[in-house]
Amino acid sequence: MLLSRLADVSREVAASSARSRKIALLAELFREAEAEDAPIVIPYLAGRLPQGRLGVGWKVLGSPVAPAVDATLTVREVDARLTELGKVSGPGSQAERARLVEELMGAATGEEQRFLLGLLTGEVRQGALDAVAVEGLAGATGAAAGDVRRAVMLAGALQPVAQALLADGPAALERFRLTVGRPVQPMLAHSATSVAEAVGKLGACAVEEKLDGIRVQVHRDGDAVRIHTRTLDDITDRLPEVSAAALELRGTRFILDGEVIALDAAGRPRSFQETAGRVGSRVDVATAAAAVPVSPVFFDALSVDGRDLLDLPFAERHAELARLTPEPMRVRRTLVSGPPDLPAAEEFLKETLLRGHEGVVVKSLDAPYSAGRRGASWLKVKPVHTLDLVVLAAEWGHGRRTGKLSNLHLGARTADGGFAMLGKTFKGMTDALLTWQTDRLRSLAVREERWGVTVRPELVVEIAYDGLQRSTRYPAGVTLRFARVIRYREDKRPQEADTVETLLAAHPEVRP
């Protein structure tokens, strides 16, 4: 496939506000694509590079290059050139990167140059996210969208499913099955403003502790254990105590969903930063484990003894979990029959907060495991308003913060795949966090000005706030009141950040 065709579709998708039109455009594109193009086309449409960061900044990209007259670049040729670019390192690497970029841009037409520049700077925001691509892929191949969605969840990514579908048609979806050792996308929860709201929506449900830990998926097949994060990264080697715990369970072949958390001597949770730091540590694991041991706490079973449990009601999945795991290794919970049992649910939330946890997750007893989706059958309740937002820019600090990037520009996801700024904050930052934040944001910078930096929208930060107020200054028509940083969430992708729509739905009193 020619890059020019992909650039044209990207432009048309960006110009369209209708989801149906976006799907139709992508379906037409996928009909023209070859199977080998899929692993490149799909991330390009989402504004991602398969190679990740290439170390190319504006110093390299800032010099204009005369565009080619004719479109000859294919997406696979571009991918090969960017792979070569990503391998450049050592003395003289800056000059070599500049040479390779100049060669690539010189082979691209003007429209292709604009598209490539957007890819390299993280500025492709045409709303062609994976959910829309799934629908387009289904339309192109005649497969049912639900079947494609399930295959993606089981594969852990859209690219292999797309490649198989384009090569062999809908029958290829049968290959994608729940397999011990291959991580699947986790089920996620929507937010509710109160336990009363959650129980009122779900009826008979389980109210479970919401732990302030790191989400993990633990796979065991005999003596082999693999541990994956919510982003499907393999972190087995970093958590030997979790592997040991999995090997002590009654079953020998299973997939369990849960969290790892660091607890103090009294059994109360240590700070999230300590847990995240421990899980993120890649060196001297034995010393890290001795200093900050973590414990697995499970809340769901996806597969047991080779049986796929995804479509079973949560009550049945939990029964399998209870058969495998001892009570201390399962998340605390209480069962309620519905609104008449609301006092018991609210008391459980109160006790959970007293134990130092951040809230509860209310789960329907009848719901299947909707992997990879934020299902309405799981509702999280926290006592404070929090949002996962994306850092769009940051301003240089003043006074004792001189030389540090301090005031963050915060954005929520929009329906078109971009981000709408909701306000700024410089509150809640320690000196250590300011130092880390400055280094991290400079590494993401696409423009550096006297006032600060504009960054690629990749870094997710959890923000607490006291409410919303109307504002004509910001594109969503609202701004956050008393926003402050809780923590950075490097375990989350920007695609998992909260949306403007979700925020406005939670605050109907200030809807513009």
Protein backbone atom coordinates (compact mmCIF):
# COMPACT_ATOMS: atom_id res chain seq x y z
CA MET A 1 0.00 0.00 0.00
CA LEU A 2 1.25 3.45 -0.87
CA LEU A 3 1.82 5.84 2.01
CA SER A 4 -0.06 8.49 0.04
CA ARG A 5 -3.26 6.41 0.27
CA LEU A 6 -2.90 6.12 4.03
CA ALA A 7 -2.18 9.84 4.37
CA ASP A 8 -5.29 10.66 2.33
CA VAL A 9 -7.50 8.46 4.51
CA SER A 10 -5.98 9.94 7.66
CA ARG A 11 -6.84 13.41 6.44
CA GLU A 12 -10.40 12.42 5.53
CA VAL A 13 -10.96 10.69 8.88
CA ALA A 14 -9.71 13.76 10.70
CA ALA A 15 -12.14 15.94 8.75
CA SER A 16 -15.13 13.72 9.55
CA SER A 17 -17.05 13.98 12.81
CA ALA A 18 -19.37 11.05 12.07
CA ARG A 19 -18.28 7.69 13.44
CA SER A 20 -20.10 5.90 10.60
CA ARG A 21 -18.10 7.86 8.02
CA LYS A 22 -14.81 7.05 9.79
CA ILE A 23 -15.72 3.35 9.78
CA ALA A 24 -16.60 3.44 6.08
CA LEU A 25 -13.30 5.13 5.22
CA LEU A 26 -11.31 2.55 7.17
CA ALA A 27 -13.28 -0.34 5.69
CA GLU A 28 -12.40 0.88 2.19
CA LEU A 29 -8.75 1.24 3.20
CA PHE A 30 -8.59 -2.29 4.64
CA ARG A 31 -10.14 -3.72 1.47
CA GLU A 32 -7.16 -2.34 -0.45
CA ALA A 33 -4.53 -3.37 2.11
CA GLU A 34 -2.47 -6.53 1.96
CA ALA A 35 -2.15 -8.68 5.07
CA GLU A 36 1.50 -7.65 5.53
CA ASP A 37 0.47 -3.99 5.62
CA ALA A 38 -1.80 -4.40 8.65
CA PRO A 39 0.86 -4.34 11.41
CA ILE A 40 2.00 -0.96 10.05
CA VAL A 41 -1.24 0.64 8.88
CA ILE A 42 -3.10 0.13 12.17
CA PRO A 43 -0.58 1.82 14.48
CA TYR A 44 -0.05 4.60 11.92
CA LEU A 45 -3.80 5.29 11.92
CA ALA A 46 -3.70 5.56 15.71
CA GLY A 47 -0.73 7.92 15.55
CA ARG A 48 1.77 5.37 16.86
CA LEU A 49 5.05 4.06 15.51
CA PRO A 50 5.64 0.29 15.83
CA GLN A 51 9.27 1.11 16.68
CA GLY A 52 8.28 3.32 19.63
CA ARG A 53 10.41 6.37 20.29
CA LEU A 54 13.07 7.05 17.70
CA GLY A 55 14.98 9.85 19.41
CA VAL A 56 14.04 12.32 16.68
CA GLY A 57 13.31 15.85 17.88
CA TRP A 58 12.66 19.19 16.28
CA LYS A 59 16.38 19.82 15.79
CA VAL A 60 16.30 17.00 13.26
CA LEU A 61 12.82 17.67 11.88
CA GLY A 62 13.01 21.45 11.71
CA SER A 63 14.85 21.79 8.40
CA PRO A 64 12.46 21.80 5.41
CA VAL A 65 13.10 19.30 2.61
CA ALA A 66 11.81 19.71 -0.94
CA PRO A 67 8.99 17.18 -1.44
CA ALA A 68 8.88 14.55 -4.16
CA VAL A 69 6.60 15.13 -7.12
CA ASP A 70 5.23 11.59 -7.38
CA ALA A 71 4.02 9.26 -4.61
CA THR A 72 6.21 6.14 -4.63
CA LEU A 73 6.74 5.33 -0.92
CA THR A 74 4.98 2.24 0.41
CA VAL A 75 4.07 1.83 4.06
CA ARG A 76 6.43 -1.14 4.33
CA GLU A 77 9.30 0.88 2.87
CA VAL A 78 8.63 3.66 5.38
CA ASP A 79 8.54 1.12 8.20
CA ALA A 80 11.89 -0.32 7.11
CA ARG A 81 13.46 3.14 6.96
CA LEU A 82 12.16 4.06 10.42
CA THR A 83 13.45 0.77 11.80
CA GLU A 84 16.87 1.68 10.42
CA LEU A 85 16.53 5.13 11.99
CA GLY A 86 15.72 3.60 15.37
CA LYS A 87 18.94 1.57 15.36
CA VAL A 88 21.18 4.64 15.11
CA SER A 89 23.18 5.32 18.28
CA GLY A 90 26.59 6.41 19.50
CA PRO A 91 28.93 9.18 18.29
CA GLY A 92 27.63 11.04 15.29
CA SER A 93 24.12 9.63 15.74
CA GLN A 94 22.47 13.05 15.53
CA ALA A 95 23.97 13.70 12.11
CA GLU A 96 23.11 10.21 10.92
CA ARG A 97 19.51 10.56 12.08
CA ALA A 98 19.28 13.89 10.27
CA ARG A 99 20.58 12.28 7.08
CA LEU A 100 18.10 9.40 7.24
CA VAL A 101 15.18 11.74 7.98
CA GLU A 102 16.19 14.00 5.09
CA GLU A 103 16.30 11.01 2.72
CA LEU A 104 12.87 9.84 3.87
CA MET A 105 11.29 13.28 3.61
CA GLY A 106 12.88 13.81 0.21
CA ALA A 107 11.15 10.68 -1.09
CA ALA A 108 7.76 11.85 0.24
CA THR A 109 5.24 14.16 -1.38
CA GLY A 110 4.08 17.25 0.49
CA GLU A 111 0.99 15.48 1.90
CA GLU A 112 3.10 12.47 2.89
CA GLN A 113 5.61 14.78 4.59
CA ARG A 114 2.85 16.29 6.71
CA PHE A 115 1.64 12.85 7.71
CA LEU A 116 5.15 11.62 8.55
CA LEU A 117 5.88 14.74 10.57
CA GLY A 118 2.72 14.08 12.58
CA LEU A 119 3.76 10.48 13.22
CA LEU A 120 7.28 11.40 14.30
CA THR A 121 6.08 14.13 16.66
CA GLY A 122 3.04 12.31 18.05
CA GLU A 123 0.63 14.80 16.50
CA VAL A 124 -1.53 12.45 14.39
CA ARG A 125 -4.96 12.85 15.98
CA GLN A 126 -7.55 11.87 13.45
CA GLY A 127 -9.67 9.74 15.74
CA ALA A 128 -8.85 6.40 14.03
CA LEU A 129 -8.59 4.61 17.34
CA ASP A 130 -8.65 0.83 17.67
CA ALA A 131 -12.40 0.65 18.40
CA VAL A 132 -13.19 2.36 15.10
CA ALA A 133 -10.58 0.29 13.28
CA VAL A 134 -12.25 -2.91 14.57
CA GLU A 135 -15.52 -1.82 12.97
CA GLY A 136 -13.76 -0.89 9.73
CA LEU A 137 -11.94 -4.21 9.64
CA ALA A 138 -15.19 -6.09 10.18
CA GLY A 139 -16.83 -4.16 7.34
CA ALA A 140 -13.92 -4.86 5.00
CA THR A 141 -13.81 -8.61 5.61
CA GLY A 142 -17.44 -9.54 6.27
CA ALA A 143 -16.69 -10.66 9.82
CA ALA A 144 -19.02 -9.85 12.73
CA ALA A 145 -17.73 -6.89 14.70
CA GLY A 146 -18.32 -8.73 17.99
CA ASP A 147 -16.22 -11.66 16.79
CA VAL A 148 -13.40 -9.33 15.75
CA ARG A 149 -13.57 -7.59 19.14
CA ARG A 150 -13.31 -10.89 20.98
CA ALA A 151 -10.37 -12.03 18.86
CA VAL A 152 -8.56 -8.74 19.57
CA MET A 153 -9.13 -9.16 23.29
CA LEU A 154 -7.74 -12.70 23.18
CA ALA A 155 -4.79 -11.74 20.98
CA GLY A 156 -3.99 -8.70 23.11
CA ALA A 157 -3.70 -6.44 20.05
CA LEU A 158 -5.52 -5.57 16.84
CA GLN A 159 -2.58 -6.02 14.46
CA PRO A 160 -2.32 -9.85 14.46
CA VAL A 161 -6.09 -10.18 14.11
CA ALA A 162 -6.14 -7.76 11.19
CA GLN A 163 -3.29 -9.56 9.47
CA ALA A 164 -5.02 -12.93 9.82
CA LEU A 165 -8.40 -11.56 8.67
CA LEU A 166 -6.95 -9.87 5.60
CA ALA A 167 -5.03 -13.02 4.70
CA ASP A 168 -7.68 -15.69 5.34
CA GLY A 169 -11.04 -14.06 5.98
CA PRO A 170 -13.45 -14.48 8.91
CA ALA A 171 -12.55 -18.15 9.45
CA ALA A 172 -9.17 -16.95 10.76
CA LEU A 173 -10.84 -15.66 13.93
CA GLU A 174 -11.16 -19.25 15.17
CA ARG A 175 -7.40 -19.24 15.78
CA PHE A 176 -7.70 -16.68 18.54
CA ARG A 177 -8.62 -18.53 21.70
CA LEU A 178 -7.95 -18.01 25.37
CA THR A 179 -4.55 -19.58 25.90
CA VAL A 180 -2.61 -19.94 29.13
CA GLY A 181 0.62 -18.01 28.70
CA ARG A 182 -0.78 -15.44 26.27
CA PRO A 183 -2.13 -12.33 28.05
CA VAL A 184 -5.53 -10.88 27.21
CA GLN A 185 -6.72 -7.33 27.56
CA PRO A 186 -8.18 -6.76 31.06
CA MET A 187 -11.76 -5.86 31.87
CA LEU A 188 -12.06 -2.28 33.12
CA ALA A 189 -14.55 -0.41 35.29
CA HIS A 190 -16.66 2.68 34.77
CA SER A 191 -17.02 5.20 37.59
CA ALA A 192 -20.01 5.78 39.85
CA THR A 193 -20.45 8.76 42.14
CA SER A 194 -21.60 6.65 45.11
CA VAL A 195 -22.22 3.12 46.33
CA ALA A 196 -25.93 3.88 46.22
CA GLU A 197 -25.72 4.73 42.51
CA ALA A 198 -23.68 1.60 41.74
CA VAL A 199 -25.92 -0.79 43.67
CA GLY A 200 -29.00 0.89 42.22
CA LYS A 201 -27.74 0.21 38.70
CA LEU A 202 -26.49 -3.35 39.24
CA GLY A 203 -28.88 -4.88 41.77
CA ALA A 204 -27.44 -8.11 43.21
CA CYS A 205 -23.71 -7.53 43.26
CA ALA A 206 -20.37 -7.97 44.99
CA VAL A 207 -18.75 -4.95 46.63
CA GLU A 208 -14.99 -5.43 46.58
CA GLU A 209 -12.06 -3.46 47.89
CA LYS A 210 -10.38 -1.28 45.28
CA LEU A 211 -6.69 -1.74 45.94
CA ASP A 212 -4.14 0.94 45.16
CA GLY A 213 -1.74 -1.45 43.49
CA ILE A 214 -0.59 -2.59 40.03
CA ARG A 215 -2.97 -4.67 37.93
CA VAL A 216 -1.55 -8.06 36.97
CA GLN A 217 -2.61 -11.14 35.08
CA VAL A 218 -0.98 -14.35 36.33
CA HIS A 219 -0.68 -17.38 34.03
CA ARG A 220 0.42 -20.80 35.29
CA ASP A 221 0.99 -23.89 33.18
CA GLY A 222 2.53 -26.60 35.32
CA ASP A 223 5.73 -25.18 36.78
CA ALA A 224 5.83 -22.26 34.35
CA VAL A 225 4.45 -18.92 35.59
CA ARG A 226 4.16 -15.71 33.60
CA ILE A 227 3.03 -12.35 35.01
CA HIS A 228 1.72 -9.52 32.81
CA THR A 229 0.65 -5.93 33.45
CA ARG A 230 -2.57 -4.32 32.25
CA THR A 231 -0.61 -3.15 29.20
CA LEU A 232 0.40 -6.81 28.61
CA ASP A 233 4.07 -6.29 29.43
CA ASP A 234 5.83 -9.35 30.85
CA ILE A 235 7.17 -8.55 34.34
CA THR A 236 7.69 -12.12 35.58
CA ASP A 237 11.37 -11.65 36.35
CA ARG A 238 10.66 -8.63 38.57
CA LEU A 239 8.22 -10.40 40.90
CA PRO A 240 9.70 -13.69 42.16
CA GLU A 241 7.44 -13.72 45.24
CA VAL A 242 4.34 -13.55 43.04
CA SER A 243 5.59 -16.48 40.95
CA ALA A 244 6.24 -18.43 44.15
CA ALA A 245 2.72 -17.68 45.41
CA ALA A 246 1.20 -18.85 42.11
CA LEU A 247 3.09 -22.14 42.35
CA GLU A 248 1.58 -22.77 45.80
CA LEU A 249 -2.02 -22.57 44.56
CA ARG A 250 -4.13 -25.69 44.19
CA GLY A 251 -4.43 -25.64 40.41
CA THR A 252 -1.67 -26.22 37.89
CA ARG A 253 -3.17 -24.53 34.82
CA PHE A 254 -4.98 -21.21 35.16
CA ILE A 255 -5.22 -17.50 34.37
CA LEU A 256 -6.02 -15.20 37.29
CA ASP A 257 -6.73 -11.46 37.35
CA GLY A 258 -5.72 -9.29 40.29
CA GLU A 259 -3.30 -6.75 41.69
CA VAL A 260 0.05 -6.74 43.41
CA ILE A 261 0.39 -4.41 46.35
CA ALA A 262 3.01 -3.56 48.97
CA LEU A 263 1.74 -3.78 52.54
CA ASP A 264 3.36 -2.59 55.77
CA ALA A 265 3.83 -4.66 58.94
CA ALA A 266 0.28 -3.84 60.04
CA GLY A 267 -1.17 -5.03 56.73
CA ARG A 268 -1.98 -1.52 55.50
CA PRO A 269 -1.06 -0.49 51.96
CA ARG A 270 2.19 1.33 51.44
CA SER A 271 2.18 4.25 49.02
CA PHE A 272 1.41 3.59 45.38
CA GLN A 273 4.81 5.06 44.50
CA GLU A 274 6.51 2.32 46.53
CA THR A 275 4.50 -0.43 44.85
CA ALA A 276 5.02 1.08 41.38
CA GLY A 277 8.71 1.62 42.04
CA ARG A 278 9.14 -1.97 43.10
CA VAL A 279 7.24 -3.39 40.12
CA GLY A 280 9.15 -1.08 37.79
CA SER A 281 12.56 -2.03 39.16
CA ARG A 282 14.57 -4.05 36.64
CA VAL A 283 17.88 -4.40 38.50
CA ASP A 284 18.86 -6.17 41.72
CA VAL A 285 15.43 -7.72 42.09
CA ALA A 286 16.40 -9.65 45.22
CA THR A 287 17.34 -6.46 47.07
CA ALA A 288 14.22 -4.68 45.84
CA ALA A 289 12.03 -7.61 46.93
CA ALA A 290 13.59 -7.60 50.38
CA ALA A 291 13.06 -3.86 50.77
CA VAL A 292 9.54 -3.68 49.32
CA PRO A 293 7.91 -7.12 49.11
CA VAL A 294 4.63 -7.25 47.22
CA SER A 295 1.69 -9.60 47.59
CA PRO A 296 -0.75 -10.81 44.91
CA VAL A 297 -4.44 -10.27 45.61
CA PHE A 298 -6.77 -11.89 43.08
CA PHE A 299 -10.35 -11.00 42.20
CA ASP A 300 -11.19 -13.02 39.07
CA ALA A 301 -10.46 -16.26 37.24
CA LEU A 302 -10.38 -16.31 33.44
CA SER A 303 -9.30 -19.91 32.88
CA VAL A 304 -9.01 -22.93 35.18
CA ASP A 305 -7.81 -26.41 34.19
CA GLY A 306 -7.91 -25.42 30.53
CA ARG A 307 -11.54 -24.22 30.66
CA ASP A 308 -12.39 -20.79 29.26
CA LEU A 309 -14.45 -19.00 31.93
CA LEU A 310 -14.86 -15.64 30.19
CA ASP A 311 -18.53 -16.11 29.32
CA LEU A 312 -19.56 -17.45 32.73
CA PRO A 313 -21.31 -15.16 35.24
CA PHE A 314 -18.99 -13.46 37.70
CA ALA A 315 -20.48 -15.50 40.57
CA GLU A 316 -19.33 -18.73 38.91
CA ARG A 317 -15.91 -17.37 38.03
CA HIS A 318 -15.40 -16.27 41.62
CA ALA A 319 -16.36 -19.73 42.87
CA GLU A 320 -13.53 -21.13 40.73
CA LEU A 321 -11.20 -18.48 42.12
CA ALA A 322 -12.16 -19.41 45.70
CA ARG A 323 -11.46 -23.07 44.92
CA LEU A 324 -7.92 -22.20 43.78
CA THR A 325 -6.81 -19.46 46.16
CA PRO A 326 -6.80 -19.12 49.96
CA GLU A 327 -8.89 -16.30 51.42
CA PRO A 328 -5.91 -14.00 52.28
CA MET A 329 -4.98 -14.06 48.59
CA ARG A 330 -8.44 -12.93 47.46
CA VAL A 331 -9.72 -9.37 47.56
CA ARG A 332 -12.10 -8.64 50.46
CA ARG A 333 -15.73 -8.45 49.41
CA THR A 334 -19.31 -8.43 50.61
CA LEU A 335 -22.39 -9.59 48.72
CA VAL A 336 -25.54 -7.49 48.58
CA SER A 337 -28.91 -8.39 47.08
CA GLY A 338 -29.64 -4.87 45.85
CA PRO A 339 -30.79 -1.48 47.22
CA PRO A 340 -32.34 -3.01 50.39
CA ASP A 341 -28.81 -4.05 51.43
CA LEU A 342 -27.35 -0.60 50.76
CA PRO A 343 -26.37 0.04 54.43
CA ALA A 344 -24.15 -3.05 54.36
CA ALA A 345 -22.48 -1.87 51.13
CA GLU A 346 -21.85 1.60 52.52
CA GLU A 347 -20.46 0.15 55.73
CA PHE A 348 -18.10 -2.00 53.69
CA LEU A 349 -16.86 1.12 51.84
CA LYS A 350 -16.30 2.87 55.17
CA GLU A 351 -14.29 -0.09 56.52
CA THR A 352 -12.29 -0.30 53.28
CA LEU A 353 -11.26 3.34 53.55
CA LEU A 354 -10.29 2.83 57.20
CA ARG A 355 -8.01 -0.02 56.07
CA GLY A 356 -6.22 2.50 53.82
CA HIS A 357 -7.58 1.45 50.43
CA GLU A 358 -8.93 3.91 47.87
CA GLY A 359 -12.51 2.77 47.45
CA VAL A 360 -14.59 -0.13 46.15
CA VAL A 361 -15.52 -1.78 42.88
CA VAL A 362 -19.15 -2.89 42.65
CA LYS A 363 -19.59 -5.87 40.32
CA SER A 364 -22.67 -7.50 38.85
CA LEU A 365 -22.86 -11.18 39.81
CA ASP A 366 -24.33 -12.11 36.42
CA ALA A 367 -21.85 -10.38 34.11
CA PRO A 368 -19.32 -12.17 31.88
CA TYR A 369 -15.70 -11.02 31.71
CA SER A 370 -15.67 -8.29 29.04
CA ALA A 371 -11.95 -8.29 28.38
CA GLY A 372 -10.50 -5.16 26.87
CA ARG A 373 -13.62 -3.11 27.51
CA ARG A 374 -14.77 -0.66 30.17
CA GLY A 375 -17.97 -2.51 31.01
CA ALA A 376 -20.97 -1.04 32.84
CA SER A 377 -21.14 -4.17 35.03
CA TRP A 378 -18.08 -3.04 37.03
CA LEU A 379 -18.44 0.34 38.73
CA LYS A 380 -15.67 1.89 40.80
CA VAL A 381 -16.49 4.23 43.66
CA LYS A 382 -13.90 6.53 45.22
CA PRO A 383 -14.56 9.14 47.90
CA VAL A 384 -12.80 11.90 45.98
CA HIS A 385 -13.06 13.08 42.39
CA THR A 386 -10.11 11.81 40.37
CA LEU A 387 -9.31 11.76 36.68
CA ASP A 388 -6.62 10.14 34.58
CA LEU A 389 -5.54 12.95 32.25
CA VAL A 390 -2.78 13.43 29.70
CA VAL A 391 -0.04 16.05 30.04
CA LEU A 392 -0.11 18.28 26.96
CA ALA A 393 2.46 20.90 28.00
CA ALA A 394 4.26 22.28 31.05
CA GLU A 395 5.48 25.72 32.09
CA TRP A 396 8.77 26.61 33.73
CA GLY A 397 8.45 27.28 37.45
CA HIS A 398 9.41 30.38 39.39
CA GLY A 399 11.09 31.01 42.73
CA ARG A 400 12.40 27.78 44.21
CA ARG A 401 10.97 25.97 41.18
CA THR A 402 13.11 27.94 38.72
CA GLY A 403 14.63 25.54 36.21
CA LYS A 404 11.91 22.94 36.79
CA LEU A 405 8.86 22.21 34.64
CA SER A 406 6.06 22.88 37.08
CA ASN A 407 2.64 24.03 35.84
CA LEU A 408 1.04 21.15 33.90
CA HIS A 409 -1.46 21.60 31.06
CA LEU A 410 -3.99 18.79 31.49
CA GLY A 411 -6.11 17.21 28.75
CA ALA A 412 -8.95 14.71 28.53
CA ARG A 413 -9.64 12.54 25.50
CA THR A 414 -12.13 13.77 22.93
CA ALA A 415 -14.37 11.82 20.58
CA ASP A 416 -12.15 12.60 17.56
CA GLY A 417 -9.06 11.04 19.12
CA GLY A 418 -7.51 14.29 20.30
CA PHE A 419 -7.29 15.94 23.71
CA ALA A 420 -9.14 18.92 25.17
CA MET A 421 -7.33 20.99 27.76
CA LEU A 422 -9.21 21.19 31.07
CA GLY A 423 -6.88 23.44 33.01
CA LYS A 424 -3.50 23.61 34.72
CA THR A 425 -1.99 22.64 38.04
CA PHE A 426 1.30 22.98 39.90
CA LYS A 427 -0.03 21.54 43.18
CA GLY A 428 0.79 18.24 44.84
CA MET A 429 4.39 17.96 43.61
CA THR A 430 7.35 17.10 45.80
CA ASP A 431 10.85 18.27 44.92
CA ALA A 432 11.71 14.74 43.82
CA LEU A 433 8.65 14.59 41.60
CA LEU A 434 9.49 17.97 40.04
CA THR A 435 12.98 16.73 39.15
CA TRP A 436 11.64 13.52 37.61
CA GLN A 437 8.83 15.37 35.87
CA THR A 438 11.22 17.87 34.29
CA ASP A 439 13.45 15.14 32.86
CA ARG A 440 10.52 13.06 31.65
CA LEU A 441 8.67 15.91 29.97
CA ARG A 442 11.78 17.23 28.24
CA SER A 443 12.24 13.77 26.74
CA LEU A 444 8.71 14.04 25.32
CA ALA A 445 9.04 17.63 24.10
CA VAL A 446 8.07 18.44 20.53
CA ARG A 447 8.56 22.19 21.01
CA GLU A 448 10.52 24.09 23.62
CA GLU A 449 9.67 27.75 24.20
CA ARG A 450 10.69 30.40 26.71
CA TRP A 451 7.54 29.67 28.72
CA GLY A 452 7.93 25.88 28.74
CA VAL A 453 7.47 22.84 26.52
CA THR A 454 4.76 21.26 24.42
CA VAL A 455 4.99 17.49 24.70
CA ARG A 456 3.77 14.40 22.90
CA PRO A 457 0.51 13.35 24.59
CA GLU A 458 1.88 10.15 26.10
CA LEU A 459 2.16 10.69 29.85
CA VAL A 460 -0.89 9.95 32.01
CA VAL A 461 -1.25 11.64 35.40
CA GLU A 462 -3.90 10.99 38.04
CA ILE A 463 -5.46 14.26 39.17
CA ALA A 464 -7.69 14.97 42.17
CA TYR A 465 -10.09 17.88 41.92
CA ASP A 466 -12.90 19.41 43.94
CA GLY A 467 -15.34 19.98 41.10
CA LEU A 468 -15.88 21.70 37.78
CA GLN A 469 -16.78 25.20 36.81
CA ARG A 470 -17.85 26.64 33.49
CA SER A 471 -15.12 28.34 31.49
CA THR A 472 -15.01 29.95 28.07
CA ARG A 473 -11.23 29.73 28.14
CA TYR A 474 -11.05 25.99 27.53
CA PRO A 475 -12.42 24.02 24.55
CA ALA A 476 -14.70 21.72 26.59
CA GLY A 477 -16.36 24.73 28.21
CA VAL A 478 -15.32 23.66 31.71
CA THR A 479 -12.23 23.72 33.89
CA LEU A 480 -11.12 21.79 36.97
CA ARG A 481 -11.42 23.39 40.41
CA PHE A 482 -8.45 22.98 42.75
CA ALA A 483 -6.71 20.32 40.66
CA ARG A 484 -3.68 18.63 42.22
CA VAL A 485 -1.36 15.79 41.22
CA ILE A 486 -1.83 12.46 42.95
CA ARG A 487 0.65 10.43 40.93
CA TYR A 488 1.83 9.61 37.45
CA ARG A 489 0.37 6.49 35.84
CA GLU A 490 3.06 5.14 33.55
CA ASP A 491 1.18 1.84 33.67
CA LYS A 492 -1.58 3.47 31.58
CA ARG A 493 -1.64 4.45 27.93
CA PRO A 494 -3.02 7.84 26.84
CA GLN A 495 -5.84 5.91 25.13
CA GLU A 496 -6.97 4.87 28.64
CA ALA A 497 -7.24 8.43 29.94
CA ASP A 498 -10.66 9.78 30.89
CA THR A 499 -12.83 11.40 28.25
CA VAL A 500 -14.53 14.79 28.17
CA GLU A 501 -17.85 12.97 27.76
CA THR A 502 -17.32 10.92 30.94
CA LEU A 503 -16.36 14.03 32.87
CA LEU A 504 -19.39 16.02 31.76
CA ALA A 505 -21.71 13.09 32.46
CA ALA A 506 -20.43 12.99 36.04
CA HIS A 507 -21.10 16.72 36.48
CA PRO A 508 -24.40 17.50 34.74
CA GLU A 509 -24.75 20.66 36.82
CA VAL A 510 -21.97 22.37 34.83
CA ARG A 511 -22.62 20.92 31.39
CA PRO A 512 -21.94 23.77 28.91
